[in-house]
Amino acid sequence: MPLKNSLNSIIQSVDGALAAMVMAYDGIPIDEVTVDQSEFDMQLLSVEYAAILKEIKRAVDVVKMGDLEEVSIATTRTCVVVRILNEDFFAALIMSRGGNIAKGRYMLKLKSFDVLRELS
């Protein structure tokens, strides 16, 4: 339950937040919180973004630029911010394009410490 509380606090703090989730790199959601009824298929989104994130992580490793910390993906309708938690898990915040993306990034980073502690 504490993990869901952390995800809820992110959602409630960020204007335009649609969903927050913690996922494993195999695309399996560990926990998620959505606002009302999201029009997005969260299971499909988690699998597809996990695959993309693995490729980005591999590319960063190949060019030896340090450890991957965060990725943002913007589309015409949404912005997804992904924060790496550890070698097994990452957190994602899905926001509408009109949402407060800067605050979303900040809250995801801030709460990532709590989420990591709750995963242990």
C-alpha atoms as a PDB file:
ATOM      1  CA  MET A   1       0.000   0.000   0.000  1.00  0.00           C
ATOM      2  CA  PRO A   2       2.795   2.555   0.686  1.00  0.00           C
ATOM      3  CA  LEU A   3       3.952   2.285  -2.953  1.00  0.00           C
ATOM      4  CA  LYS A   4       0.490   3.275  -4.150  1.00  0.00           C
ATOM      5  CA  ASN A   5       0.571   6.191  -1.682  1.00  0.00           C
ATOM      6  CA  SER A   6       3.801   7.494  -3.208  1.00  0.00           C
ATOM      7  CA  LEU A   7       2.374   7.216  -6.718  1.00  0.00           C
ATOM      8  CA  ASN A   8      -0.824   8.944  -5.581  1.00  0.00           C
ATOM      9  CA  SER A   9       1.135  11.829  -4.091  1.00  0.00           C
ATOM     10  CA  ILE A  10       2.883  12.361  -7.437  1.00  0.00           C
ATOM     11  CA  ILE A  11      -0.424  12.326  -9.323  1.00  0.00           C
ATOM     12  CA  GLN A  12      -2.074  14.726  -6.890  1.00  0.00           C
ATOM     13  CA  SER A  13       0.859  17.164  -6.972  1.00  0.00           C
ATOM     14  CA  VAL A  14       1.164  17.543 -10.731  1.00  0.00           C
ATOM     15  CA  ASP A  15      -1.346  19.389 -12.889  1.00  0.00           C
ATOM     16  CA  GLY A  16      -2.158  17.309 -15.949  1.00  0.00           C
ATOM     17  CA  ALA A  17      -0.921  14.012 -14.501  1.00  0.00           C
ATOM     18  CA  LEU A  18      -2.766  11.050 -16.005  1.00  0.00           C
ATOM     19  CA  ALA A  19      -0.929   8.061 -14.512  1.00  0.00           C
ATOM     20  CA  ALA A  20       2.108   7.082 -12.478  1.00  0.00           C
ATOM     21  CA  MET A  21       3.550   3.597 -12.423  1.00  0.00           C
ATOM     22  CA  VAL A  22       6.481   1.501 -11.328  1.00  0.00           C
ATOM     23  CA  MET A  23       7.567  -1.111 -13.842  1.00  0.00           C
ATOM     24  CA  ALA A  24      10.143  -3.825 -14.250  1.00  0.00           C
ATOM     25  CA  TYR A  25      12.297  -3.832 -17.375  1.00  0.00           C
ATOM     26  CA  ASP A  26      10.344  -6.815 -18.698  1.00  0.00           C
ATOM     27  CA  GLY A  27       7.324  -4.505 -18.977  1.00  0.00           C
ATOM     28  CA  ILE A  28       5.382  -5.915 -16.042  1.00  0.00           C
ATOM     29  CA  PRO A  29       3.793  -3.141 -13.966  1.00  0.00           C
ATOM     30  CA  ILE A  30       4.574  -3.452 -10.258  1.00  0.00           C
ATOM     31  CA  ASP A  31       1.990  -0.846  -9.276  1.00  0.00           C
ATOM     32  CA  GLU A  32       0.123   1.976 -10.979  1.00  0.00           C
ATOM     33  CA  VAL A  33      -2.242   4.800 -10.236  1.00  0.00           C
ATOM     34  CA  THR A  34      -4.400   6.434 -12.896  1.00  0.00           C
ATOM     35  CA  VAL A  35      -6.578   9.508 -12.870  1.00  0.00           C
ATOM     36  CA  ASP A  36     -10.208   8.615 -13.547  1.00  0.00           C
ATOM     37  CA  GLN A  37     -10.476   6.359 -16.565  1.00  0.00           C
ATOM     38  CA  SER A  38      -7.412   6.879 -18.699  1.00  0.00           C
ATOM     39  CA  GLU A  39      -7.963   6.400 -22.403  1.00  0.00           C
ATOM     40  CA  PHE A  40      -4.568   4.711 -22.700  1.00  0.00           C
ATOM     41  CA  ASP A  41      -3.930   0.987 -22.443  1.00  0.00           C
ATOM     42  CA  MET A  42      -1.484   1.036 -19.530  1.00  0.00           C
ATOM     43  CA  GLN A  43      -0.444  -2.603 -20.029  1.00  0.00           C
ATOM     44  CA  LEU A  44       0.491  -1.956 -23.663  1.00  0.00           C
ATOM     45  CA  LEU A  45       2.181   1.315 -22.766  1.00  0.00           C
ATOM     46  CA  SER A  46       4.277  -0.346 -20.069  1.00  0.00           C
ATOM     47  CA  VAL A  47       5.454  -3.153 -22.355  1.00  0.00           C
ATOM     48  CA  GLU A  48       6.321  -0.827 -25.240  1.00  0.00           C
ATOM     49  CA  TYR A  49       8.080   1.779 -23.105  1.00  0.00           C
ATOM     50  CA  ALA A  50      10.056  -0.904 -21.273  1.00  0.00           C
ATOM     51  CA  ALA A  51      11.349  -2.164 -24.631  1.00  0.00           C
ATOM     52  CA  ILE A  52      12.297   1.364 -25.706  1.00  0.00           C
ATOM     53  CA  LEU A  53      13.957   2.058 -22.376  1.00  0.00           C
ATOM     54  CA  LYS A  54      16.076  -1.102 -22.620  1.00  0.00           C
ATOM     55  CA  GLU A  55      17.363   0.059 -26.019  1.00  0.00           C
ATOM     56  CA  ILE A  56      18.130   3.561 -24.750  1.00  0.00           C
ATOM     57  CA  LYS A  57      19.910   2.110 -21.726  1.00  0.00           C
ATOM     58  CA  ARG A  58      21.956  -0.171 -23.989  1.00  0.00           C
ATOM     59  CA  ALA A  59      22.919   2.773 -26.227  1.00  0.00           C
ATOM     60  CA  VAL A  60      24.017   4.848 -23.234  1.00  0.00           C
ATOM     61  CA  ASP A  61      26.138   1.920 -22.018  1.00  0.00           C
ATOM     62  CA  VAL A  62      27.764   1.506 -25.443  1.00  0.00           C
ATOM     63  CA  VAL A  63      28.826   5.147 -25.671  1.00  0.00           C
ATOM     64  CA  LYS A  64      29.940   5.130 -22.017  1.00  0.00           C
ATOM     65  CA  MET A  65      28.283   8.428 -21.077  1.00  0.00           C
ATOM     66  CA  GLY A  66      27.407   7.416 -17.525  1.00  0.00           C
ATOM     67  CA  ASP A  67      24.335   5.829 -16.015  1.00  0.00           C
ATOM     68  CA  LEU A  68      20.912   6.578 -17.462  1.00  0.00           C
ATOM     69  CA  GLU A  69      18.787   8.584 -15.005  1.00  0.00           C
ATOM     70  CA  GLU A  70      15.796   9.969 -16.884  1.00  0.00           C
ATOM     71  CA  VAL A  71      14.080   9.903 -20.266  1.00  0.00           C
ATOM     72  CA  SER A  72      11.253  12.114 -21.509  1.00  0.00           C
ATOM     73  CA  ILE A  73       9.088  11.240 -24.477  1.00  0.00           C
ATOM     74  CA  ALA A  74       6.737  13.899 -25.813  1.00  0.00           C
ATOM     75  CA  THR A  75       3.947  13.295 -28.290  1.00  0.00           C
ATOM     76  CA  THR A  76       1.213  15.591 -29.549  1.00  0.00           C
ATOM     77  CA  ARG A  77      -1.067  14.400 -26.723  1.00  0.00           C
ATOM     78  CA  THR A  78       1.160  13.363 -23.825  1.00  0.00           C
ATOM     79  CA  CYS A  79       4.523  13.615 -22.174  1.00  0.00           C
ATOM     80  CA  VAL A  80       5.972  10.576 -20.446  1.00  0.00           C
ATOM     81  CA  VAL A  81       8.818  11.038 -17.984  1.00  0.00           C
ATOM     82  CA  VAL A  82      10.688   7.883 -17.005  1.00  0.00           C
ATOM     83  CA  ARG A  83      12.980   7.827 -13.976  1.00  0.00           C
ATOM     84  CA  ILE A  84      15.400   4.924 -13.513  1.00  0.00           C
ATOM     85  CA  LEU A  85      15.125   3.510  -9.997  1.00  0.00           C
ATOM     86  CA  ASN A  86      17.711   0.724 -10.170  1.00  0.00           C
ATOM     87  CA  GLU A  87      18.828  -2.078 -12.506  1.00  0.00           C
ATOM     88  CA  ASP A  88      15.440  -3.810 -12.147  1.00  0.00           C
ATOM     89  CA  PHE A  89      12.803  -1.068 -11.958  1.00  0.00           C
ATOM     90  CA  PHE A  90      11.827   2.330 -13.289  1.00  0.00           C
ATOM     91  CA  ALA A  91       9.003   4.776 -12.610  1.00  0.00           C
ATOM     92  CA  ALA A  92       6.970   6.556 -15.248  1.00  0.00           C
ATOM     93  CA  LEU A  93       4.690   9.565 -15.079  1.00  0.00           C
ATOM     94  CA  ILE A  94       2.260  10.116 -17.936  1.00  0.00           C
ATOM     95  CA  MET A  95       0.985  13.681 -18.317  1.00  0.00           C
ATOM     96  CA  SER A  96      -1.170  15.586 -20.751  1.00  0.00           C
ATOM     97  CA  ARG A  97       0.771  17.986 -22.975  1.00  0.00           C
ATOM     98  CA  GLY A  98      -0.750  20.922 -21.092  1.00  0.00           C
ATOM     99  CA  GLY A  99       0.433  19.517 -17.772  1.00  0.00           C
ATOM    100  CA  ASN A 100       3.212  20.880 -15.603  1.00  0.00           C
ATOM    101  CA  ILE A 101       6.057  18.798 -17.014  1.00  0.00           C
ATOM    102  CA  ALA A 102       8.776  20.496 -14.943  1.00  0.00           C
ATOM    103  CA  LYS A 103       6.936  19.762 -11.705  1.00  0.00           C
ATOM    104  CA  GLY A 104       6.251  16.220 -12.898  1.00  0.00           C
ATOM    105  CA  ARG A 105       9.974  15.631 -13.433  1.00  0.00           C
ATOM    106  CA  TYR A 106      10.744  17.115 -10.024  1.00  0.00           C
ATOM    107  CA  MET A 107       8.110  15.066  -8.168  1.00  0.00           C
ATOM    108  CA  LEU A 108       9.151  11.857  -9.908  1.00  0.00           C
ATOM    109  CA  LYS A 109      12.765  12.455  -8.892  1.00  0.00           C
ATOM    110  CA  LEU A 110      11.808  13.445  -5.345  1.00  0.00           C
ATOM    111  CA  LYS A 111       9.517  10.459  -4.788  1.00  0.00           C
ATOM    112  CA  SER A 112      11.887   7.972  -6.435  1.00  0.00           C
ATOM    113  CA  PHE A 113      13.753   7.659  -3.131  1.00  0.00           C
ATOM    114  CA  ASP A 114      10.539   6.704  -1.320  1.00  0.00           C
ATOM    115  CA  VAL A 115       9.563   4.284  -4.079  1.00  0.00           C
ATOM    116  CA  LEU A 116      12.974   2.588  -3.964  1.00  0.00           C
ATOM    117  CA  ARG A 117      12.703   2.186  -0.204  1.00  0.00           C
ATOM    118  CA  GLU A 118       9.234   0.669  -0.585  1.00  0.00           C
ATOM    119  CA  LEU A 119      10.470  -1.803  -3.208  1.00  0.00           C
ATOM    120  CA  SER A 120      13.154  -3.129  -0.838  1.00  0.00           C
END
